[in-house]
N, C-alpha and C. Protein backbone atom coordinates (compact mmCIF):
# COMPACT_ATOMS: atom_id res chain seq x y z
N MET A 1 0.89 -1.25 -0.05
CA MET A 1 -0.03 0.05 -0.02
C MET A 1 0.97 1.23 0.02
N LYS A 2 0.43 2.21 -0.74
CA LYS A 2 1.12 3.49 -0.80
C LYS A 2 0.73 4.33 0.42
N LEU A 3 1.44 5.40 0.65
CA LEU A 3 1.13 6.24 1.88
C LEU A 3 -0.35 6.85 1.74
N LYS A 4 -0.65 7.21 0.52
CA LYS A 4 -2.09 7.78 0.47
C LYS A 4 -3.11 6.78 0.73
N GLU A 5 -2.87 5.54 0.41
CA GLU A 5 -3.76 4.34 0.63
C GLU A 5 -3.82 4.12 2.11
N TYR A 6 -2.67 4.19 2.84
CA TYR A 6 -2.65 4.06 4.31
C TYR A 6 -3.57 5.17 5.00
N TYR A 7 -3.33 6.40 4.43
CA TYR A 7 -4.05 7.51 4.98
C TYR A 7 -5.53 7.28 4.82
N ASN A 8 -6.04 6.97 3.62
CA ASN A 8 -7.48 6.75 3.25
C ASN A 8 -8.01 5.59 4.12
N TRP A 9 -7.23 4.61 4.45
CA TRP A 9 -7.60 3.54 5.29
C TRP A 9 -7.85 4.03 6.65
N LEU A 10 -6.81 4.70 7.12
CA LEU A 10 -6.92 5.30 8.48
C LEU A 10 -8.12 6.13 8.60
N LYS A 11 -8.44 7.07 7.62
CA LYS A 11 -9.54 7.98 7.72
C LYS A 11 -10.83 7.18 7.82
N GLU A 12 -10.96 5.97 7.31
CA GLU A 12 -12.13 5.18 7.35
C GLU A 12 -12.14 4.38 8.70
N ASN A 13 -10.99 3.98 9.16
CA ASN A 13 -11.13 3.02 10.26
C ASN A 13 -10.46 3.47 11.55
N TRP A 14 -10.23 4.82 11.71
CA TRP A 14 -9.47 5.41 12.93
C TRP A 14 -10.05 4.99 14.19
N ALA A 15 -11.38 5.09 14.26
CA ALA A 15 -12.12 4.88 15.60
C ALA A 15 -11.88 3.42 16.03
N ASN A 16 -12.01 2.45 15.01
CA ASN A 16 -11.81 1.03 15.29
C ASN A 16 -10.40 0.74 15.69
N THR A 17 -9.44 1.38 14.99
CA THR A 17 -8.01 1.24 15.28
C THR A 17 -7.73 1.72 16.66
N GLY A 18 -8.41 2.92 17.09
CA GLY A 18 -8.15 3.45 18.24
C GLY A 18 -8.52 2.55 19.42
N LEU A 19 -9.67 1.83 19.20
CA LEU A 19 -10.14 0.94 20.28
C LEU A 19 -9.22 -0.18 20.67
N VAL A 20 -8.65 -0.78 19.48
CA VAL A 20 -7.62 -1.83 19.62
C VAL A 20 -6.36 -1.13 20.23
N LEU A 21 -5.93 0.04 19.77
CA LEU A 21 -4.73 0.75 20.37
C LEU A 21 -4.97 0.91 21.89
N ALA A 22 -6.19 1.42 22.25
CA ALA A 22 -6.36 1.71 23.69
C ALA A 22 -6.13 0.42 24.52
N PHE A 23 -6.49 -0.77 24.01
CA PHE A 23 -6.27 -1.98 24.81
C PHE A 23 -4.80 -2.18 25.09
N TYR A 24 -4.02 -2.14 23.85
CA TYR A 24 -2.57 -2.41 23.98
C TYR A 24 -1.85 -1.34 24.81
N LEU A 25 -2.19 -0.07 24.58
CA LEU A 25 -1.53 1.07 25.28
C LEU A 25 -1.70 0.90 26.87
N THR A 26 -2.94 0.60 27.27
CA THR A 26 -3.22 0.36 28.65
C THR A 26 -2.25 -0.72 29.26
N ILE A 27 -2.27 -1.76 28.56
CA ILE A 27 -1.43 -2.92 29.10
C ILE A 27 0.03 -2.54 29.10
N PHE A 28 0.44 -1.89 28.00
CA PHE A 28 1.95 -1.44 28.02
C PHE A 28 2.20 -0.52 29.09
N LEU A 29 1.30 0.50 29.40
CA LEU A 29 1.52 1.39 30.42
C LEU A 29 1.51 0.79 31.85
N PHE A 30 0.67 -0.08 32.17
CA PHE A 30 0.56 -0.77 33.31
C PHE A 30 1.86 -1.63 33.65
N ILE A 31 2.42 -2.28 32.59
CA ILE A 31 3.45 -3.18 32.67
C ILE A 31 4.92 -2.33 32.81
N PHE A 32 5.02 -1.40 31.89
CA PHE A 32 6.31 -0.82 31.78
C PHE A 32 6.48 0.71 32.43
N VAL A 33 5.39 1.38 32.59
CA VAL A 33 5.48 2.77 33.18
C VAL A 33 4.94 2.95 34.49
N ARG A 34 3.96 2.23 34.86
CA ARG A 34 3.31 2.49 36.26
C ARG A 34 4.28 2.57 37.36
N LYS A 35 5.22 1.49 37.39
CA LYS A 35 6.07 1.41 38.60
C LYS A 35 7.27 2.30 38.50
N SER A 36 7.78 2.55 37.30
CA SER A 36 8.94 3.37 37.05
C SER A 36 8.65 4.82 37.14
N ASN A 37 7.45 5.28 36.80
CA ASN A 37 7.15 6.71 36.68
C ASN A 37 5.67 6.83 36.82
N PHE A 38 5.18 6.88 38.02
CA PHE A 38 3.82 6.86 38.37
C PHE A 38 3.05 8.07 37.91
N PRO A 39 3.63 9.33 38.16
CA PRO A 39 3.05 10.59 37.65
C PRO A 39 2.84 10.54 36.21
N ALA A 40 3.94 10.28 35.47
CA ALA A 40 3.75 10.15 34.01
C ALA A 40 2.74 9.08 33.58
N PHE A 41 2.81 7.99 34.22
CA PHE A 41 1.85 6.98 33.87
C PHE A 41 0.35 7.54 33.96
N LEU A 42 0.12 8.34 34.88
CA LEU A 42 -1.22 8.94 35.08
C LEU A 42 -1.63 9.90 33.90
N ILE A 43 -0.57 10.56 33.34
CA ILE A 43 -0.76 11.46 32.29
C ILE A 43 -1.01 10.70 31.06
N LEU A 44 -0.07 9.75 30.88
CA LEU A 44 -0.08 8.95 29.53
C LEU A 44 -1.36 8.03 29.51
N LEU A 45 -1.97 7.76 30.72
CA LEU A 45 -3.12 6.83 30.69
C LEU A 45 -4.35 7.60 30.12
N GLN A 46 -4.27 8.87 30.08
CA GLN A 46 -5.52 9.72 29.64
C GLN A 46 -5.86 9.43 28.13
N THR A 47 -4.71 9.15 27.43
CA THR A 47 -4.89 8.88 25.91
C THR A 47 -5.67 7.68 25.67
N PRO A 48 -5.26 6.43 26.14
CA PRO A 48 -6.25 5.29 25.90
C PRO A 48 -7.57 5.44 26.53
N LEU A 49 -7.76 6.19 27.66
CA LEU A 49 -9.12 6.31 28.29
C LEU A 49 -9.99 7.19 27.21
N TYR A 50 -9.34 8.16 26.53
CA TYR A 50 -10.00 8.98 25.66
C TYR A 50 -10.20 8.21 24.34
N LEU A 51 -9.49 7.28 23.99
CA LEU A 51 -9.79 6.37 22.76
C LEU A 51 -11.06 5.55 23.04
N LEU A 52 -11.23 5.19 24.27
CA LEU A 52 -12.51 4.48 24.53
C LEU A 52 -13.69 5.51 24.53
N HIS A 53 -13.52 6.76 24.82
CA HIS A 53 -14.45 7.77 24.77
C HIS A 53 -14.82 7.87 23.20
N GLU A 54 -13.85 7.90 22.39
CA GLU A 54 -14.04 8.01 20.93
C GLU A 54 -14.80 6.78 20.41
N ALA A 55 -14.56 5.60 21.06
CA ALA A 55 -15.29 4.43 20.52
C ALA A 55 -16.73 4.50 20.78
N GLU A 56 -17.13 5.10 21.92
CA GLU A 56 -18.58 5.21 22.17
C GLU A 56 -19.01 6.29 21.20
N GLU A 57 -18.42 7.35 20.97
CA GLU A 57 -18.90 8.37 20.06
C GLU A 57 -19.04 7.90 18.54
N TYR A 58 -18.16 7.02 18.20
CA TYR A 58 -18.18 6.72 16.72
C TYR A 58 -18.27 5.19 16.41
N ILE A 59 -18.35 4.31 17.51
CA ILE A 59 -18.50 2.93 17.04
C ILE A 59 -19.73 2.23 17.89
N PHE A 60 -19.67 2.31 19.20
CA PHE A 60 -20.76 1.71 20.09
C PHE A 60 -21.38 2.71 20.89
N PRO A 61 -22.46 3.35 20.72
CA PRO A 61 -23.38 3.08 19.49
C PRO A 61 -22.88 4.01 18.26
N GLY A 62 -22.05 4.96 18.61
CA GLY A 62 -21.66 5.71 17.35
C GLY A 62 -22.65 6.83 17.14
N GLY A 63 -22.42 7.67 16.15
CA GLY A 63 -23.37 8.55 15.60
C GLY A 63 -23.27 9.94 16.34
N PHE A 64 -22.07 10.32 16.79
CA PHE A 64 -21.93 11.68 17.50
C PHE A 64 -22.07 12.74 16.48
N GLY A 65 -21.59 12.53 15.27
CA GLY A 65 -21.70 13.64 14.22
C GLY A 65 -23.07 13.75 13.91
N ARG A 66 -23.84 12.69 13.72
CA ARG A 66 -25.33 12.91 13.49
C ARG A 66 -25.97 13.63 14.52
N PHE A 67 -25.72 13.19 15.74
CA PHE A 67 -26.32 13.84 16.86
C PHE A 67 -26.07 15.38 16.92
N PHE A 68 -24.86 15.74 16.70
CA PHE A 68 -24.50 17.20 16.71
C PHE A 68 -25.17 17.94 15.67
N ASN A 69 -25.31 17.28 14.44
CA ASN A 69 -25.80 18.15 13.36
C ASN A 69 -27.35 18.17 13.45
N ARG A 70 -27.89 17.21 14.05
CA ARG A 70 -29.40 17.21 14.02
C ARG A 70 -29.95 17.71 15.35
N ASP A 71 -29.27 17.47 16.40
CA ASP A 71 -29.90 17.92 17.70
C ASP A 71 -29.23 19.06 18.39
N ILE A 72 -28.10 19.52 17.84
CA ILE A 72 -27.53 20.80 18.32
C ILE A 72 -27.52 21.87 17.27
N PHE A 73 -27.30 21.53 16.03
CA PHE A 73 -27.52 22.55 14.99
C PHE A 73 -28.92 22.61 14.40
N GLY A 74 -29.53 21.51 14.65
CA GLY A 74 -31.00 21.45 14.06
C GLY A 74 -31.17 21.33 12.58
N VAL A 75 -30.20 20.77 11.92
CA VAL A 75 -30.25 20.58 10.37
C VAL A 75 -30.68 19.07 10.08
N ASP A 76 -31.20 18.99 8.92
CA ASP A 76 -31.69 17.68 8.51
C ASP A 76 -30.75 16.79 7.80
N HIS A 77 -29.38 16.99 8.09
CA HIS A 77 -28.42 16.14 7.43
C HIS A 77 -27.55 15.45 8.56
N ASP A 78 -27.05 14.27 8.25
CA ASP A 78 -26.20 13.56 9.08
C ASP A 78 -24.79 14.01 9.06
N ASP A 79 -24.32 14.41 7.83
CA ASP A 79 -22.92 14.76 7.72
C ASP A 79 -22.57 16.06 7.37
N GLU A 80 -23.49 17.12 7.73
CA GLU A 80 -23.26 18.50 7.54
C GLU A 80 -23.89 19.19 8.66
N PRO A 81 -23.28 20.31 9.22
CA PRO A 81 -21.93 20.87 8.69
C PRO A 81 -20.77 20.08 9.34
N ILE A 82 -21.12 19.22 10.43
CA ILE A 82 -19.99 18.52 10.89
C ILE A 82 -19.90 17.24 10.18
N GLY A 83 -18.86 17.02 9.22
CA GLY A 83 -18.71 15.89 8.46
C GLY A 83 -17.59 14.98 8.83
N PRO A 84 -17.55 13.83 8.22
CA PRO A 84 -16.44 12.89 8.58
C PRO A 84 -14.95 13.35 8.48
N GLY A 85 -14.82 14.21 7.45
CA GLY A 85 -13.44 14.96 7.42
C GLY A 85 -13.08 15.69 8.64
N PHE A 86 -14.04 16.58 8.95
CA PHE A 86 -13.76 17.42 10.20
C PHE A 86 -13.58 16.53 11.41
N ILE A 87 -14.35 15.57 11.62
CA ILE A 87 -14.30 14.70 12.76
C ILE A 87 -13.02 14.04 12.84
N PHE A 88 -12.45 13.44 11.66
CA PHE A 88 -11.27 12.79 11.71
C PHE A 88 -10.11 13.76 11.95
N ALA A 89 -10.11 15.01 11.36
CA ALA A 89 -9.03 15.95 11.49
C ALA A 89 -8.95 16.47 13.00
N ILE A 90 -10.01 16.65 13.62
CA ILE A 90 -10.02 17.04 15.16
C ILE A 90 -9.64 16.04 16.01
N ASN A 91 -10.00 14.80 15.73
CA ASN A 91 -9.59 13.67 16.64
C ASN A 91 -8.22 13.22 16.39
N MET A 92 -7.73 13.34 15.15
CA MET A 92 -6.30 13.15 14.96
C MET A 92 -5.43 14.18 15.61
N SER A 93 -5.83 15.47 15.35
CA SER A 93 -5.10 16.55 15.95
C SER A 93 -4.88 16.55 17.61
N TYR A 94 -6.16 16.39 18.05
CA TYR A 94 -6.29 16.43 19.57
C TYR A 94 -5.79 15.15 20.30
N ILE A 95 -6.43 14.05 19.85
CA ILE A 95 -6.25 12.74 20.59
C ILE A 95 -5.11 11.96 20.06
N TRP A 96 -4.83 11.90 18.86
CA TRP A 96 -3.84 11.01 18.36
C TRP A 96 -2.50 11.62 18.24
N ILE A 97 -2.43 13.09 18.24
CA ILE A 97 -1.13 13.81 18.17
C ILE A 97 -0.89 14.46 19.47
N LEU A 98 -1.78 15.54 19.82
CA LEU A 98 -1.55 16.40 20.89
C LEU A 98 -1.26 15.73 22.29
N LEU A 99 -2.30 14.83 22.60
CA LEU A 99 -2.30 14.12 23.96
C LEU A 99 -1.09 13.23 24.13
N PRO A 100 -0.81 12.34 23.02
CA PRO A 100 0.30 11.57 23.20
C PRO A 100 1.71 12.28 23.18
N LEU A 101 1.77 13.36 22.33
CA LEU A 101 3.01 14.22 22.35
C LEU A 101 3.31 14.72 23.68
N PHE A 102 2.37 15.47 24.34
CA PHE A 102 2.61 16.09 25.51
C PHE A 102 2.54 14.97 26.72
N GLY A 103 1.98 13.87 26.53
CA GLY A 103 2.14 12.76 27.42
C GLY A 103 3.54 12.31 27.50
N PHE A 104 4.19 12.13 26.35
CA PHE A 104 5.55 11.75 26.30
C PHE A 104 6.42 12.88 26.92
N LEU A 105 6.10 14.10 26.61
CA LEU A 105 6.94 15.19 26.99
C LEU A 105 6.88 15.30 28.60
N SER A 106 5.63 14.89 29.22
CA SER A 106 5.60 14.79 30.66
C SER A 106 6.53 13.90 31.27
N VAL A 107 6.98 12.97 30.55
CA VAL A 107 8.13 12.00 31.15
C VAL A 107 9.33 12.82 31.50
N LEU A 108 9.68 13.91 30.62
CA LEU A 108 10.92 14.68 30.82
C LEU A 108 10.56 15.86 31.83
N ASN A 109 9.39 16.39 31.59
CA ASN A 109 8.87 17.50 32.50
C ASN A 109 7.44 17.33 32.67
N LEU A 110 7.02 17.01 33.95
CA LEU A 110 5.63 16.71 34.23
C LEU A 110 4.72 17.86 34.05
N GLN A 111 5.10 19.06 34.15
CA GLN A 111 4.45 20.26 34.11
C GLN A 111 3.84 20.40 32.60
N LEU A 112 4.54 19.83 31.67
CA LEU A 112 4.10 19.94 30.29
C LEU A 112 2.85 19.02 29.93
N GLY A 113 2.50 18.16 30.94
CA GLY A 113 1.26 17.34 30.65
C GLY A 113 0.19 17.48 31.70
N LEU A 114 0.31 18.42 32.51
CA LEU A 114 -0.69 18.56 33.64
C LEU A 114 -1.98 19.08 33.11
N TRP A 115 -1.97 19.79 31.92
CA TRP A 115 -3.26 20.20 31.35
C TRP A 115 -4.08 19.03 30.81
N ILE A 116 -3.53 17.90 30.60
CA ILE A 116 -4.27 16.85 29.90
C ILE A 116 -5.30 16.22 30.86
N PRO A 117 -5.28 15.89 32.10
CA PRO A 117 -6.52 15.58 32.86
C PRO A 117 -7.49 16.65 32.90
N TYR A 118 -7.11 17.88 32.89
CA TYR A 118 -8.18 18.98 32.75
C TYR A 118 -8.98 18.87 31.40
N PHE A 119 -8.25 18.61 30.32
CA PHE A 119 -8.86 18.49 29.16
C PHE A 119 -9.87 17.38 29.14
N ILE A 120 -9.45 16.15 29.74
CA ILE A 120 -10.27 15.08 29.76
C ILE A 120 -11.55 15.33 30.58
N ILE A 121 -11.37 16.01 31.67
CA ILE A 121 -12.55 16.48 32.45
C ILE A 121 -13.56 17.35 31.68
N PHE A 122 -13.06 18.39 31.06
CA PHE A 122 -13.86 19.32 30.41
C PHE A 122 -14.52 18.67 29.14
N ALA A 123 -13.78 17.77 28.55
CA ALA A 123 -14.42 16.98 27.36
C ALA A 123 -15.57 16.17 27.80
N GLY A 124 -15.48 15.54 28.98
CA GLY A 124 -16.64 14.86 29.61
C GLY A 124 -17.74 15.77 29.94
N VAL A 125 -17.45 16.87 30.58
CA VAL A 125 -18.39 17.85 31.04
C VAL A 125 -19.22 18.38 29.80
N SER A 126 -18.49 18.55 28.67
CA SER A 126 -19.24 19.02 27.46
C SER A 126 -20.28 18.18 26.98
N HIS A 127 -20.20 16.84 27.31
CA HIS A 127 -21.24 15.88 26.88
C HIS A 127 -22.41 16.12 27.76
N ILE A 128 -22.28 16.40 29.01
CA ILE A 128 -23.40 16.78 29.92
C ILE A 128 -24.11 17.97 29.42
N ALA A 129 -23.32 18.94 28.96
CA ALA A 129 -23.92 20.26 28.52
C ALA A 129 -24.66 20.03 27.17
N LEU A 130 -24.10 19.17 26.37
CA LEU A 130 -24.80 18.78 25.13
C LEU A 130 -26.15 18.23 25.40
N ALA A 131 -26.12 17.20 26.33
CA ALA A 131 -27.34 16.44 26.72
C ALA A 131 -28.40 17.55 27.19
N ILE A 132 -28.02 18.55 27.90
CA ILE A 132 -28.81 19.50 28.40
C ILE A 132 -29.43 20.39 27.28
N LYS A 133 -28.53 20.79 26.41
CA LYS A 133 -29.02 21.70 25.30
C LYS A 133 -29.82 20.93 24.29
N ALA A 134 -29.63 19.72 24.09
CA ALA A 134 -30.42 18.90 23.20
C ALA A 134 -31.63 18.32 23.86
N ARG A 135 -31.68 18.43 25.25
CA ARG A 135 -32.91 17.92 25.97
C ARG A 135 -33.10 16.41 25.83
N LYS A 136 -31.93 15.76 25.79
CA LYS A 136 -31.90 14.24 25.72
C LYS A 136 -31.07 13.70 26.80
N LEU A 137 -31.44 12.57 27.19
CA LEU A 137 -30.83 11.91 28.35
C LEU A 137 -29.42 11.38 27.92
N TYR A 138 -29.25 11.19 26.59
CA TYR A 138 -28.02 10.43 26.05
C TYR A 138 -27.54 11.04 24.83
N ASN A 139 -26.23 11.21 24.76
CA ASN A 139 -25.68 11.43 23.48
C ASN A 139 -24.33 10.67 23.42
N PRO A 140 -23.87 10.26 22.23
CA PRO A 140 -22.68 9.34 22.21
C PRO A 140 -21.44 9.94 22.83
N GLY A 141 -21.00 9.27 23.77
CA GLY A 141 -19.81 9.68 24.56
C GLY A 141 -20.09 9.99 25.91
N LEU A 142 -21.41 10.16 26.33
CA LEU A 142 -21.86 10.56 27.67
C LEU A 142 -21.36 9.44 28.65
N ILE A 143 -21.68 8.20 28.44
CA ILE A 143 -21.54 7.13 29.44
C ILE A 143 -20.02 7.03 29.82
N VAL A 144 -19.14 7.05 28.76
CA VAL A 144 -17.64 6.96 29.11
C VAL A 144 -17.30 8.25 29.96
N SER A 145 -17.89 9.28 29.49
CA SER A 145 -17.56 10.58 30.29
C SER A 145 -17.93 10.59 31.66
N LEU A 146 -19.02 10.02 31.98
CA LEU A 146 -19.53 9.92 33.33
C LEU A 146 -18.78 8.88 34.11
N LEU A 147 -18.39 7.71 33.59
CA LEU A 147 -17.86 6.56 34.23
C LEU A 147 -16.32 6.63 34.20
N LEU A 148 -15.67 7.22 33.27
CA LEU A 148 -14.30 7.26 33.25
C LEU A 148 -13.49 8.59 33.10
N ASN A 149 -13.87 9.40 32.06
CA ASN A 149 -13.28 10.57 31.82
C ASN A 149 -13.31 11.55 32.95
N ILE A 150 -14.47 11.98 33.47
CA ILE A 150 -14.74 13.00 34.53
C ILE A 150 -14.05 12.44 35.84
N PRO A 151 -14.45 11.14 36.36
CA PRO A 151 -13.97 10.71 37.61
C PRO A 151 -12.50 10.39 37.56
N VAL A 152 -11.93 9.84 36.57
CA VAL A 152 -10.51 9.51 36.44
C VAL A 152 -9.73 10.71 36.37
N GLY A 153 -10.11 11.79 35.39
CA GLY A 153 -9.42 12.99 35.31
C GLY A 153 -9.27 13.79 36.57
N THR A 154 -10.59 13.84 37.38
CA THR A 154 -10.57 14.43 38.62
C THR A 154 -9.66 13.92 39.65
N ALA A 155 -9.70 12.58 39.75
CA ALA A 155 -8.77 11.85 40.62
C ALA A 155 -7.27 12.09 40.40
N VAL A 156 -6.94 12.16 39.15
CA VAL A 156 -5.55 12.41 38.63
C VAL A 156 -5.22 13.85 39.17
N VAL A 157 -6.11 14.82 38.88
CA VAL A 157 -5.72 16.26 39.36
C VAL A 157 -5.60 16.22 40.90
N LEU A 158 -6.52 15.63 41.56
CA LEU A 158 -6.32 15.60 43.01
C LEU A 158 -5.08 14.92 43.52
N TYR A 159 -4.60 13.98 42.85
CA TYR A 159 -3.38 13.24 43.21
C TYR A 159 -2.26 14.21 42.89
N PHE A 160 -2.22 14.98 41.79
CA PHE A 160 -1.16 15.93 41.53
C PHE A 160 -1.18 17.03 42.54
N MET A 161 -2.35 17.50 43.12
CA MET A 161 -2.46 18.48 44.23
C MET A 161 -1.82 17.91 45.44
N ARG A 162 -2.12 16.62 45.86
CA ARG A 162 -1.54 16.10 47.03
C ARG A 162 -0.12 15.85 46.84
N ALA A 163 0.53 15.62 45.69
CA ALA A 163 1.86 15.34 45.48
C ALA A 163 2.64 16.69 45.43
N GLY A 164 1.94 17.81 45.26
CA GLY A 164 2.53 19.09 45.28
C GLY A 164 2.89 19.64 43.84
N TYR A 165 2.31 18.96 42.85
CA TYR A 165 2.60 19.49 41.43
C TYR A 165 1.57 20.57 41.14
N LEU A 166 0.46 20.70 41.81
CA LEU A 166 -0.53 21.73 41.54
C LEU A 166 -0.81 22.37 42.94
N ASN A 167 -0.89 23.70 42.82
CA ASN A 167 -1.15 24.42 44.15
C ASN A 167 -2.72 24.43 44.28
N ARG A 168 -3.62 24.43 43.24
CA ARG A 168 -5.05 24.63 43.49
C ARG A 168 -5.71 23.80 42.29
N PHE A 169 -6.99 23.43 42.54
CA PHE A 169 -7.63 22.66 41.44
C PHE A 169 -8.12 23.59 40.37
N PHE A 170 -8.63 24.79 40.70
CA PHE A 170 -9.28 25.60 39.69
C PHE A 170 -8.20 26.80 39.42
N ILE A 171 -8.40 27.49 38.33
CA ILE A 171 -7.76 28.64 38.05
C ILE A 171 -6.19 28.50 38.09
N ASN A 172 -5.64 27.73 37.26
CA ASN A 172 -4.22 27.57 37.02
C ASN A 172 -3.91 27.45 35.59
N ILE A 173 -2.84 27.55 35.05
CA ILE A 173 -2.52 27.59 33.58
C ILE A 173 -2.97 26.25 33.04
N HIS A 174 -2.79 25.12 33.81
CA HIS A 174 -3.15 23.85 33.20
C HIS A 174 -4.71 23.78 33.06
N PHE A 175 -5.41 24.21 34.07
CA PHE A 175 -6.90 24.39 33.97
C PHE A 175 -7.28 25.22 32.81
N LEU A 176 -6.70 26.27 32.61
CA LEU A 176 -7.06 27.10 31.47
C LEU A 176 -6.74 26.59 30.11
N ILE A 177 -5.53 25.84 30.00
CA ILE A 177 -5.28 25.13 28.71
C ILE A 177 -6.33 24.12 28.39
N GLY A 178 -6.58 23.29 29.38
CA GLY A 178 -7.65 22.26 29.05
C GLY A 178 -8.89 22.86 28.78
N LEU A 179 -9.32 23.92 29.46
CA LEU A 179 -10.58 24.46 29.11
C LEU A 179 -10.56 25.16 27.77
N GLY A 180 -9.49 25.88 27.47
CA GLY A 180 -9.36 26.58 26.23
C GLY A 180 -9.42 25.74 24.99
N LEU A 181 -8.68 24.61 25.08
CA LEU A 181 -8.80 23.57 24.03
C LEU A 181 -10.15 23.01 23.74
N ASN A 182 -10.88 22.83 24.82
CA ASN A 182 -12.29 22.36 24.78
C ASN A 182 -13.25 23.46 24.11
N LEU A 183 -13.05 24.61 24.59
CA LEU A 183 -13.87 25.81 23.98
C LEU A 183 -13.57 26.19 22.61
N LEU A 184 -12.39 25.79 22.15
CA LEU A 184 -11.98 26.15 20.71
C LEU A 184 -12.95 25.20 19.79
N LEU A 185 -13.25 24.03 20.28
CA LEU A 185 -14.12 23.18 19.39
C LEU A 185 -15.52 23.74 19.06
N PRO A 186 -16.24 24.28 19.94
CA PRO A 186 -17.57 24.91 19.52
C PRO A 186 -17.35 26.14 18.78
N VAL A 187 -16.21 26.98 18.97
CA VAL A 187 -16.00 28.03 18.05
C VAL A 187 -15.71 27.55 16.57
N ILE A 188 -14.89 26.51 16.40
CA ILE A 188 -14.79 26.02 15.15
C ILE A 188 -16.08 25.43 14.56
N GLY A 189 -16.83 24.67 15.33
CA GLY A 189 -18.13 24.18 15.00
C GLY A 189 -19.08 25.39 14.50
N GLY A 190 -19.10 26.49 15.25
CA GLY A 190 -19.91 27.70 14.93
C GLY A 190 -19.57 28.18 13.52
N ILE A 191 -18.32 28.28 13.29
CA ILE A 191 -17.85 28.71 11.95
C ILE A 191 -18.28 27.85 10.82
N LEU A 192 -18.22 26.54 11.05
CA LEU A 192 -18.63 25.55 10.05
C LEU A 192 -20.08 25.64 9.86
N PHE A 193 -20.85 25.98 10.98
CA PHE A 193 -22.44 26.13 10.95
C PHE A 193 -22.74 27.35 10.09
N LYS A 194 -22.06 28.42 10.23
CA LYS A 194 -22.26 29.68 9.55
C LYS A 194 -22.02 29.46 8.12
N THR A 195 -20.77 28.78 7.77
CA THR A 195 -20.39 28.51 6.37
C THR A 195 -21.59 27.61 5.72
N TYR A 196 -22.06 26.69 6.50
CA TYR A 196 -23.11 25.84 5.87
C TYR A 196 -24.42 26.51 5.65
N LYS A 197 -24.86 27.51 6.56
CA LYS A 197 -25.96 28.20 6.30
C LYS A 197 -25.87 29.12 5.09
N LYS A 198 -24.70 29.72 4.92
CA LYS A 198 -24.52 30.53 3.67
C LYS A 198 -24.58 29.72 2.45
N LYS A 199 -24.08 28.54 2.52
CA LYS A 199 -24.11 27.70 1.39
C LYS A 199 -25.51 27.23 1.02
N VAL A 200 -26.31 26.89 2.01
CA VAL A 200 -27.78 26.67 1.82
C VAL A 200 -28.42 27.77 1.31
N LYS A 201 -28.21 28.98 1.72
CA LYS A 201 -28.96 30.14 1.32
C LYS A 201 -28.56 30.42 -0.15
N ALA A 202 -27.34 30.21 -0.61
CA ALA A 202 -26.85 30.45 -1.90
C ALA A 202 -27.43 29.35 -2.81
């Protein structure tokens, strides 16, 4: 296969690949990292946990893009204005590149990865906000958010507070980075929605 063919394959199968990767990453981290560098282990563990979050959003039961378009934007399309290309680009950028990169950097300097559990918490909280806005009890990603992302992320932040890596839970640079990265997503989504409405009018 050529590089472009690999890319096209990944674009179609990234969520399924992520689910398998989450399994192997978790085992690897528990065996090789947990005892040698527990703080970095906690940071790195956030990536496979979020891959499970993606699995609920896009595999079991999936349909997060459809939910966002129909129940948040109120349009009659499954793939517009939030389409597969945008979903792939955001998840690759945030979860497949940014989280692992700063997770590995945290091995060298833990301060570089302390924003990650905050990001995980806010990503989970956003699903609660979406459920309220859509007036629905469920949206794809909510269960993992409630059972894993929010409680684990919170426990990790509290651990770092007790260990002296953080002075406070709220209002610190790591808190603001995690929040800011999450707030950037609805801003981008709003731009796509405005572009879509202009296209429809045209």
